Amino acid sequence: MKVILQEDVSKLGAMGDVVKVRDGYGRNFLIPRGLAIIADEKNVRKLKHLQGIAQAKAAKELAESQAVATQLEGVKIGFVRESSDEEKLFGSVTSRDIEQELTNKGFAISRKNILLAEAIREFGSFPVEIQLSRGVKGTITVIVQK
């Protein structure tokens, strides 16, 4: 029996793959759980149409992400923080702070996309990567001053 996978199935294939499985496995496990549909002509045509739409959408999102990445290059965000007498920073600069400043500058970027391993706890200039989409990253400069 040939089926079209509706979701990723470990050791079998990824979503959208047409795979050959034993009749019982497809009929009793994959199809009832919504993991697959029978690969008849109608469903294969529908799959190809949906894949074409998905590829066009992905290409559009990639182009938009690359445009935002070029806009982000050279963007500098400054933060002024208080310090102790020993030049230690009170508090820190987090991805939430960076998200707020990017929003103020007109960029709609979620803090989940800001690749900051840990909060910035010292003064200086730091490059911070932003994940815009798969394979597209932009870099901004975060400056922390007294």
N, C-alpha and C. Protein backbone atom coordinates (compact mmCIF):
# COMPACT_ATOMS: atom_id res chain seq x y z
N MET A 1 0.84 -1.17 0.00
CA MET A 1 0.00 0.00 0.00
C MET A 1 0.89 1.24 0.00
N LYS A 2 0.55 2.21 -0.83
CA LYS A 2 1.27 3.48 -0.85
C LYS A 2 0.44 4.53 -0.13
N VAL A 3 1.13 5.30 0.73
CA VAL A 3 0.46 6.36 1.48
C VAL A 3 1.27 7.65 1.37
N ILE A 4 0.57 8.75 1.60
CA ILE A 4 1.21 10.07 1.66
C ILE A 4 1.23 10.47 3.13
N LEU A 5 2.41 10.76 3.65
CA LEU A 5 2.53 11.11 5.06
C LEU A 5 2.03 12.53 5.30
N GLN A 6 1.17 12.68 6.29
CA GLN A 6 0.63 13.98 6.67
C GLN A 6 1.50 14.65 7.73
N GLU A 7 2.30 13.86 8.44
CA GLU A 7 3.22 14.36 9.46
C GLU A 7 4.52 13.57 9.35
N ASP A 8 5.56 14.07 10.02
CA ASP A 8 6.82 13.33 10.07
C ASP A 8 6.62 12.07 10.91
N VAL A 9 7.05 10.94 10.39
CA VAL A 9 6.96 9.67 11.12
C VAL A 9 8.38 9.12 11.20
N SER A 10 8.86 8.91 12.43
CA SER A 10 10.23 8.45 12.59
C SER A 10 10.41 7.09 11.92
N LYS A 11 11.55 6.90 11.32
CA LYS A 11 11.96 5.68 10.63
C LYS A 11 11.10 5.36 9.40
N LEU A 12 10.28 6.35 8.97
CA LEU A 12 9.46 6.11 7.80
C LEU A 12 9.62 7.23 6.77
N GLY A 13 9.51 8.48 7.21
CA GLY A 13 9.68 9.58 6.27
C GLY A 13 9.18 10.90 6.84
N ALA A 14 9.29 11.92 6.00
CA ALA A 14 8.88 13.26 6.39
C ALA A 14 7.51 13.58 5.81
N MET A 15 6.92 14.65 6.30
CA MET A 15 5.62 15.07 5.82
C MET A 15 5.66 15.31 4.31
N GLY A 16 4.67 14.77 3.59
CA GLY A 16 4.60 14.94 2.16
C GLY A 16 5.24 13.83 1.36
N ASP A 17 5.97 12.95 2.00
CA ASP A 17 6.61 11.83 1.30
C ASP A 17 5.57 10.77 0.93
N VAL A 18 5.75 10.19 -0.23
CA VAL A 18 4.93 9.05 -0.64
C VAL A 18 5.76 7.80 -0.36
N VAL A 19 5.27 6.96 0.56
CA VAL A 19 6.02 5.78 0.98
C VAL A 19 5.16 4.53 0.83
N LYS A 20 5.83 3.41 0.66
CA LYS A 20 5.14 2.12 0.56
C LYS A 20 5.25 1.44 1.92
N VAL A 21 4.08 1.07 2.47
CA VAL A 21 4.03 0.41 3.77
C VAL A 21 3.18 -0.85 3.64
N ARG A 22 3.25 -1.70 4.63
CA ARG A 22 2.40 -2.90 4.64
C ARG A 22 0.94 -2.47 4.85
N ASP A 23 0.04 -3.23 4.28
CA ASP A 23 -1.37 -2.89 4.33
C ASP A 23 -1.88 -2.68 5.75
N GLY A 24 -1.56 -3.58 6.64
CA GLY A 24 -2.04 -3.49 8.02
C GLY A 24 -1.51 -2.26 8.74
N TYR A 25 -0.24 -1.93 8.54
CA TYR A 25 0.37 -0.77 9.18
C TYR A 25 -0.31 0.51 8.71
N GLY A 26 -0.56 0.60 7.41
CA GLY A 26 -1.22 1.79 6.88
C GLY A 26 -2.67 1.86 7.32
N ARG A 27 -3.40 0.76 7.16
CA ARG A 27 -4.83 0.74 7.43
C ARG A 27 -5.16 0.83 8.92
N ASN A 28 -4.35 0.20 9.77
CA ASN A 28 -4.67 0.12 11.20
C ASN A 28 -3.95 1.15 12.07
N PHE A 29 -2.85 1.71 11.57
CA PHE A 29 -2.09 2.64 12.41
C PHE A 29 -2.00 4.03 11.80
N LEU A 30 -1.45 4.16 10.60
CA LEU A 30 -1.17 5.47 10.03
C LEU A 30 -2.44 6.25 9.68
N ILE A 31 -3.35 5.63 8.95
CA ILE A 31 -4.54 6.35 8.49
C ILE A 31 -5.48 6.72 9.63
N PRO A 32 -5.80 5.81 10.58
CA PRO A 32 -6.71 6.21 11.67
C PRO A 32 -6.17 7.33 12.55
N ARG A 33 -4.86 7.40 12.70
CA ARG A 33 -4.26 8.44 13.54
C ARG A 33 -4.04 9.75 12.79
N GLY A 34 -4.37 9.78 11.52
CA GLY A 34 -4.21 11.00 10.73
C GLY A 34 -2.78 11.25 10.31
N LEU A 35 -1.93 10.24 10.40
CA LEU A 35 -0.53 10.40 10.03
C LEU A 35 -0.33 10.26 8.53
N ALA A 36 -1.30 9.63 7.83
CA ALA A 36 -1.14 9.40 6.40
C ALA A 36 -2.51 9.31 5.74
N ILE A 37 -2.50 9.47 4.41
CA ILE A 37 -3.69 9.24 3.60
C ILE A 37 -3.28 8.32 2.45
N ILE A 38 -4.25 7.65 1.88
CA ILE A 38 -3.96 6.74 0.77
C ILE A 38 -3.47 7.53 -0.42
N ALA A 39 -2.47 7.01 -1.11
CA ALA A 39 -1.85 7.72 -2.24
C ALA A 39 -2.54 7.34 -3.54
N ASP A 40 -3.78 7.82 -3.72
CA ASP A 40 -4.45 7.62 -5.00
C ASP A 40 -4.18 8.85 -5.88
N GLU A 41 -4.66 8.82 -7.12
CA GLU A 41 -4.35 9.91 -8.06
C GLU A 41 -4.82 11.26 -7.54
N LYS A 42 -6.01 11.30 -7.00
CA LYS A 42 -6.57 12.56 -6.50
C LYS A 42 -5.69 13.15 -5.40
N ASN A 43 -5.30 12.34 -4.43
CA ASN A 43 -4.49 12.82 -3.32
C ASN A 43 -3.08 13.21 -3.76
N VAL A 44 -2.52 12.49 -4.73
CA VAL A 44 -1.18 12.84 -5.23
C VAL A 44 -1.23 14.19 -5.95
N ARG A 45 -2.29 14.43 -6.76
CA ARG A 45 -2.43 15.74 -7.43
C ARG A 45 -2.59 16.85 -6.40
N LYS A 46 -3.40 16.59 -5.39
CA LYS A 46 -3.62 17.58 -4.32
C LYS A 46 -2.31 17.87 -3.60
N LEU A 47 -1.52 16.83 -3.32
CA LEU A 47 -0.23 17.00 -2.66
C LEU A 47 0.71 17.87 -3.49
N LYS A 48 0.78 17.59 -4.79
CA LYS A 48 1.66 18.38 -5.67
C LYS A 48 1.22 19.83 -5.71
N HIS A 49 -0.08 20.07 -5.73
CA HIS A 49 -0.59 21.45 -5.73
C HIS A 49 -0.22 22.15 -4.42
N LEU A 50 -0.43 21.48 -3.29
CA LEU A 50 -0.09 22.07 -2.00
C LEU A 50 1.41 22.31 -1.86
N GLN A 51 2.22 21.41 -2.41
CA GLN A 51 3.67 21.61 -2.36
C GLN A 51 4.08 22.83 -3.18
N GLY A 52 3.44 23.03 -4.33
CA GLY A 52 3.73 24.21 -5.14
C GLY A 52 3.39 25.49 -4.41
N ILE A 53 2.25 25.50 -3.73
CA ILE A 53 1.84 26.67 -2.95
C ILE A 53 2.83 26.90 -1.81
N ALA A 54 3.23 25.82 -1.13
CA ALA A 54 4.16 25.95 -0.01
C ALA A 54 5.52 26.46 -0.48
N GLN A 55 5.99 26.00 -1.64
CA GLN A 55 7.27 26.48 -2.16
C GLN A 55 7.20 27.96 -2.51
N ALA A 56 6.10 28.40 -3.10
CA ALA A 56 5.96 29.81 -3.44
C ALA A 56 5.92 30.66 -2.17
N LYS A 57 5.22 30.17 -1.16
CA LYS A 57 5.14 30.90 0.12
C LYS A 57 6.52 30.96 0.78
N ALA A 58 7.25 29.85 0.74
CA ALA A 58 8.59 29.81 1.35
C ALA A 58 9.54 30.75 0.63
N ALA A 59 9.44 30.81 -0.71
CA ALA A 59 10.30 31.72 -1.47
C ALA A 59 9.99 33.17 -1.14
N LYS A 60 8.72 33.49 -0.97
CA LYS A 60 8.32 34.85 -0.62
C LYS A 60 8.83 35.22 0.78
N GLU A 61 8.68 34.30 1.75
CA GLU A 61 9.16 34.56 3.10
C GLU A 61 10.68 34.70 3.14
N LEU A 62 11.39 33.92 2.32
CA LEU A 62 12.84 34.01 2.26
C LEU A 62 13.27 35.37 1.72
N ALA A 63 12.60 35.85 0.68
CA ALA A 63 12.92 37.15 0.12
C ALA A 63 12.66 38.27 1.14
N GLU A 64 11.55 38.16 1.86
CA GLU A 64 11.25 39.17 2.88
C GLU A 64 12.28 39.13 4.01
N SER A 65 12.68 37.94 4.41
CA SER A 65 13.67 37.81 5.48
C SER A 65 15.02 38.38 5.06
N GLN A 66 15.41 38.14 3.82
CA GLN A 66 16.67 38.69 3.34
C GLN A 66 16.62 40.21 3.27
N ALA A 67 15.46 40.77 2.92
CA ALA A 67 15.32 42.22 2.90
C ALA A 67 15.46 42.81 4.30
N VAL A 68 14.85 42.15 5.28
CA VAL A 68 14.96 42.62 6.67
C VAL A 68 16.39 42.46 7.16
N ALA A 69 17.07 41.39 6.76
CA ALA A 69 18.47 41.18 7.17
C ALA A 69 19.36 42.30 6.66
N THR A 70 19.14 42.75 5.42
CA THR A 70 19.95 43.85 4.91
C THR A 70 19.62 45.15 5.64
N GLN A 71 18.37 45.34 6.05
CA GLN A 71 18.01 46.53 6.82
C GLN A 71 18.64 46.50 8.21
N LEU A 72 18.78 45.31 8.78
CA LEU A 72 19.34 45.19 10.12
C LEU A 72 20.84 45.44 10.17
N GLU A 73 21.53 45.17 9.07
CA GLU A 73 22.99 45.38 9.05
C GLU A 73 23.28 46.86 9.34
N GLY A 74 24.11 47.07 10.31
CA GLY A 74 24.49 48.44 10.65
C GLY A 74 23.61 49.07 11.70
N VAL A 75 22.56 48.40 12.14
CA VAL A 75 21.69 48.95 13.18
C VAL A 75 22.42 48.84 14.52
N LYS A 76 22.46 49.96 15.22
CA LYS A 76 23.09 49.98 16.53
C LYS A 76 22.05 50.37 17.57
N ILE A 77 22.03 49.62 18.65
CA ILE A 77 21.09 49.88 19.74
C ILE A 77 21.90 50.19 20.98
N GLY A 78 21.61 51.29 21.61
CA GLY A 78 22.35 51.70 22.79
C GLY A 78 21.52 51.59 24.05
N PHE A 79 22.16 51.18 25.13
CA PHE A 79 21.53 51.10 26.44
C PHE A 79 22.43 51.82 27.44
N VAL A 80 21.80 52.59 28.32
CA VAL A 80 22.54 53.26 29.38
C VAL A 80 22.13 52.59 30.69
N ARG A 81 23.12 52.07 31.40
CA ARG A 81 22.86 51.36 32.66
C ARG A 81 23.75 51.96 33.76
N GLU A 82 23.25 51.87 34.98
CA GLU A 82 24.03 52.35 36.11
C GLU A 82 25.08 51.32 36.48
N SER A 83 26.15 51.83 37.15
CA SER A 83 27.21 50.91 37.57
C SER A 83 27.66 51.25 38.98
N SER A 84 28.35 50.31 39.57
CA SER A 84 28.88 50.53 40.91
C SER A 84 30.23 51.24 40.80
N ASP A 85 30.84 51.51 41.95
CA ASP A 85 32.14 52.15 41.96
C ASP A 85 33.21 51.27 41.34
N GLU A 86 33.02 49.96 41.37
CA GLU A 86 33.99 49.02 40.80
C GLU A 86 33.69 48.75 39.32
N GLU A 87 32.88 49.59 38.70
CA GLU A 87 32.54 49.46 37.28
C GLU A 87 31.75 48.20 36.98
N LYS A 88 30.97 47.71 37.95
CA LYS A 88 30.11 46.55 37.72
C LYS A 88 28.72 47.05 37.34
N LEU A 89 28.15 46.39 36.36
CA LEU A 89 26.86 46.78 35.82
C LEU A 89 25.73 46.37 36.75
N PHE A 90 24.83 47.31 37.07
CA PHE A 90 23.62 46.98 37.82
C PHE A 90 22.61 46.46 36.82
N GLY A 91 22.15 45.23 37.00
CA GLY A 91 21.19 44.65 36.07
C GLY A 91 21.89 44.09 34.86
N SER A 92 21.14 43.95 33.78
CA SER A 92 21.71 43.39 32.56
C SER A 92 20.85 43.82 31.38
N VAL A 93 21.33 43.52 30.19
CA VAL A 93 20.57 43.77 28.96
C VAL A 93 20.14 42.40 28.44
N THR A 94 18.84 42.20 28.33
CA THR A 94 18.30 40.90 27.93
C THR A 94 17.69 40.98 26.54
N SER A 95 17.28 39.84 26.04
CA SER A 95 16.64 39.81 24.72
C SER A 95 15.33 40.58 24.75
N ARG A 96 14.68 40.65 25.88
CA ARG A 96 13.44 41.45 26.00
C ARG A 96 13.75 42.94 25.80
N ASP A 97 14.86 43.42 26.37
CA ASP A 97 15.26 44.82 26.17
C ASP A 97 15.57 45.09 24.70
N ILE A 98 16.27 44.17 24.08
CA ILE A 98 16.64 44.33 22.68
C ILE A 98 15.39 44.30 21.81
N GLU A 99 14.45 43.42 22.12
CA GLU A 99 13.19 43.36 21.37
C GLU A 99 12.45 44.69 21.46
N GLN A 100 12.40 45.27 22.65
CA GLN A 100 11.69 46.55 22.84
C GLN A 100 12.34 47.66 22.01
N GLU A 101 13.66 47.73 22.01
CA GLU A 101 14.35 48.76 21.23
C GLU A 101 14.17 48.56 19.73
N LEU A 102 14.19 47.29 19.28
CA LEU A 102 13.96 47.01 17.86
C LEU A 102 12.54 47.40 17.46
N THR A 103 11.57 47.18 18.35
CA THR A 103 10.20 47.58 18.08
C THR A 103 10.11 49.10 17.98
N ASN A 104 10.82 49.80 18.84
CA ASN A 104 10.84 51.27 18.78
C ASN A 104 11.45 51.77 17.48
N LYS A 105 12.37 50.99 16.90
CA LYS A 105 13.01 51.38 15.64
C LYS A 105 12.22 50.91 14.42
N GLY A 106 11.10 50.20 14.65
CA GLY A 106 10.24 49.79 13.54
C GLY A 106 10.42 48.37 13.04
N PHE A 107 11.14 47.55 13.77
CA PHE A 107 11.33 46.15 13.39
C PHE A 107 10.42 45.28 14.24
N ALA A 108 9.65 44.41 13.62
CA ALA A 108 8.76 43.50 14.35
C ALA A 108 9.46 42.15 14.49
N ILE A 109 10.31 42.05 15.50
CA ILE A 109 11.09 40.84 15.72
C ILE A 109 10.82 40.33 17.13
N SER A 110 10.49 39.06 17.23
CA SER A 110 10.21 38.44 18.52
C SER A 110 11.51 38.19 19.27
N ARG A 111 11.44 38.22 20.58
CA ARG A 111 12.66 37.97 21.37
C ARG A 111 13.13 36.54 21.23
N LYS A 112 12.25 35.64 20.80
CA LYS A 112 12.65 34.25 20.59
C LYS A 112 13.61 34.14 19.40
N ASN A 113 13.59 35.11 18.53
CA ASN A 113 14.46 35.09 17.36
C ASN A 113 15.80 35.78 17.63
N ILE A 114 15.95 36.40 18.77
CA ILE A 114 17.20 37.06 19.13
C ILE A 114 18.12 36.02 19.76
N LEU A 115 19.23 35.75 19.09
CA LEU A 115 20.14 34.68 19.52
C LEU A 115 21.15 35.24 20.51
N LEU A 116 20.72 35.35 21.74
CA LEU A 116 21.56 35.86 22.82
C LEU A 116 21.72 34.72 23.83
N ALA A 117 22.94 34.17 23.90
CA ALA A 117 23.18 33.00 24.76
C ALA A 117 22.86 33.32 26.22
N GLU A 118 23.29 34.46 26.69
CA GLU A 118 22.98 34.89 28.04
C GLU A 118 22.91 36.41 28.05
N ALA A 119 22.32 36.96 29.08
CA ALA A 119 22.15 38.41 29.18
C ALA A 119 23.52 39.10 29.20
N ILE A 120 23.57 40.30 28.65
CA ILE A 120 24.81 41.08 28.63
C ILE A 120 24.96 41.77 29.98
N ARG A 121 26.08 41.49 30.66
CA ARG A 121 26.29 42.00 32.01
C ARG A 121 27.56 42.84 32.15
N GLU A 122 28.01 43.40 31.04
CA GLU A 122 29.20 44.26 31.11
C GLU A 122 29.07 45.37 30.08
N PHE A 123 29.90 46.38 30.24
CA PHE A 123 29.88 47.52 29.32
C PHE A 123 30.66 47.19 28.06
N GLY A 124 30.24 47.78 26.95
CA GLY A 124 30.95 47.58 25.70
C GLY A 124 30.00 47.45 24.53
N SER A 125 30.57 47.00 23.44
CA SER A 125 29.83 46.82 22.20
C SER A 125 29.79 45.32 21.87
N PHE A 126 28.61 44.82 21.56
CA PHE A 126 28.44 43.38 21.36
C PHE A 126 27.64 43.12 20.09
N PRO A 127 28.13 42.23 19.21
CA PRO A 127 27.31 41.83 18.06
C PRO A 127 26.27 40.79 18.51
N VAL A 128 25.05 40.96 18.05
CA VAL A 128 23.97 40.04 18.40
C VAL A 128 23.30 39.58 17.12
N GLU A 129 23.20 38.24 16.96
CA GLU A 129 22.56 37.68 15.77
C GLU A 129 21.05 37.56 15.99
N ILE A 130 20.32 37.75 14.88
CA ILE A 130 18.87 37.62 14.90
C ILE A 130 18.48 36.63 13.82
N GLN A 131 17.78 35.57 14.21
CA GLN A 131 17.32 34.54 13.28
C GLN A 131 16.02 35.02 12.66
N LEU A 132 16.05 35.30 11.35
CA LEU A 132 14.86 35.80 10.66
C LEU A 132 14.03 34.69 10.05
N SER A 133 14.67 33.71 9.46
CA SER A 133 14.01 32.51 8.96
C SER A 133 15.09 31.45 8.81
N ARG A 134 14.71 30.30 8.30
CA ARG A 134 15.72 29.24 8.15
C ARG A 134 16.85 29.70 7.25
N GLY A 135 18.04 29.73 7.81
CA GLY A 135 19.22 30.06 7.03
C GLY A 135 19.47 31.55 6.86
N VAL A 136 18.58 32.41 7.32
CA VAL A 136 18.76 33.85 7.17
C VAL A 136 18.92 34.46 8.55
N LYS A 137 20.08 35.06 8.76
CA LYS A 137 20.37 35.72 10.02
C LYS A 137 20.83 37.14 9.75
N GLY A 138 20.49 38.03 10.65
CA GLY A 138 20.96 39.40 10.60
C GLY A 138 21.75 39.68 11.86
N THR A 139 22.62 40.67 11.80
CA THR A 139 23.42 41.02 12.97
C THR A 139 23.24 42.49 13.30
N ILE A 140 23.01 42.76 14.57
CA ILE A 140 22.94 44.13 15.04
C ILE A 140 24.04 44.33 16.08
N THR A 141 24.30 45.58 16.42
CA THR A 141 25.30 45.89 17.43
C THR A 141 24.60 46.48 18.64
N VAL A 142 24.86 45.89 19.80
CA VAL A 142 24.29 46.37 21.05
C VAL A 142 25.41 47.05 21.85
N ILE A 143 25.17 48.31 22.20
CA ILE A 143 26.18 49.08 22.93
C ILE A 143 25.64 49.37 24.33
N VAL A 144 26.39 48.98 25.34
CA VAL A 144 26.01 49.22 26.73
C VAL A 144 26.97 50.23 27.31
N GLN A 145 26.43 51.37 27.79
CA GLN A 145 27.23 52.47 28.32
C GLN A 145 26.85 52.79 29.74
N LYS A 146 27.74 53.53 30.42
CA LYS A 146 27.46 53.98 31.79
C LYS A 146 26.47 55.11 31.76
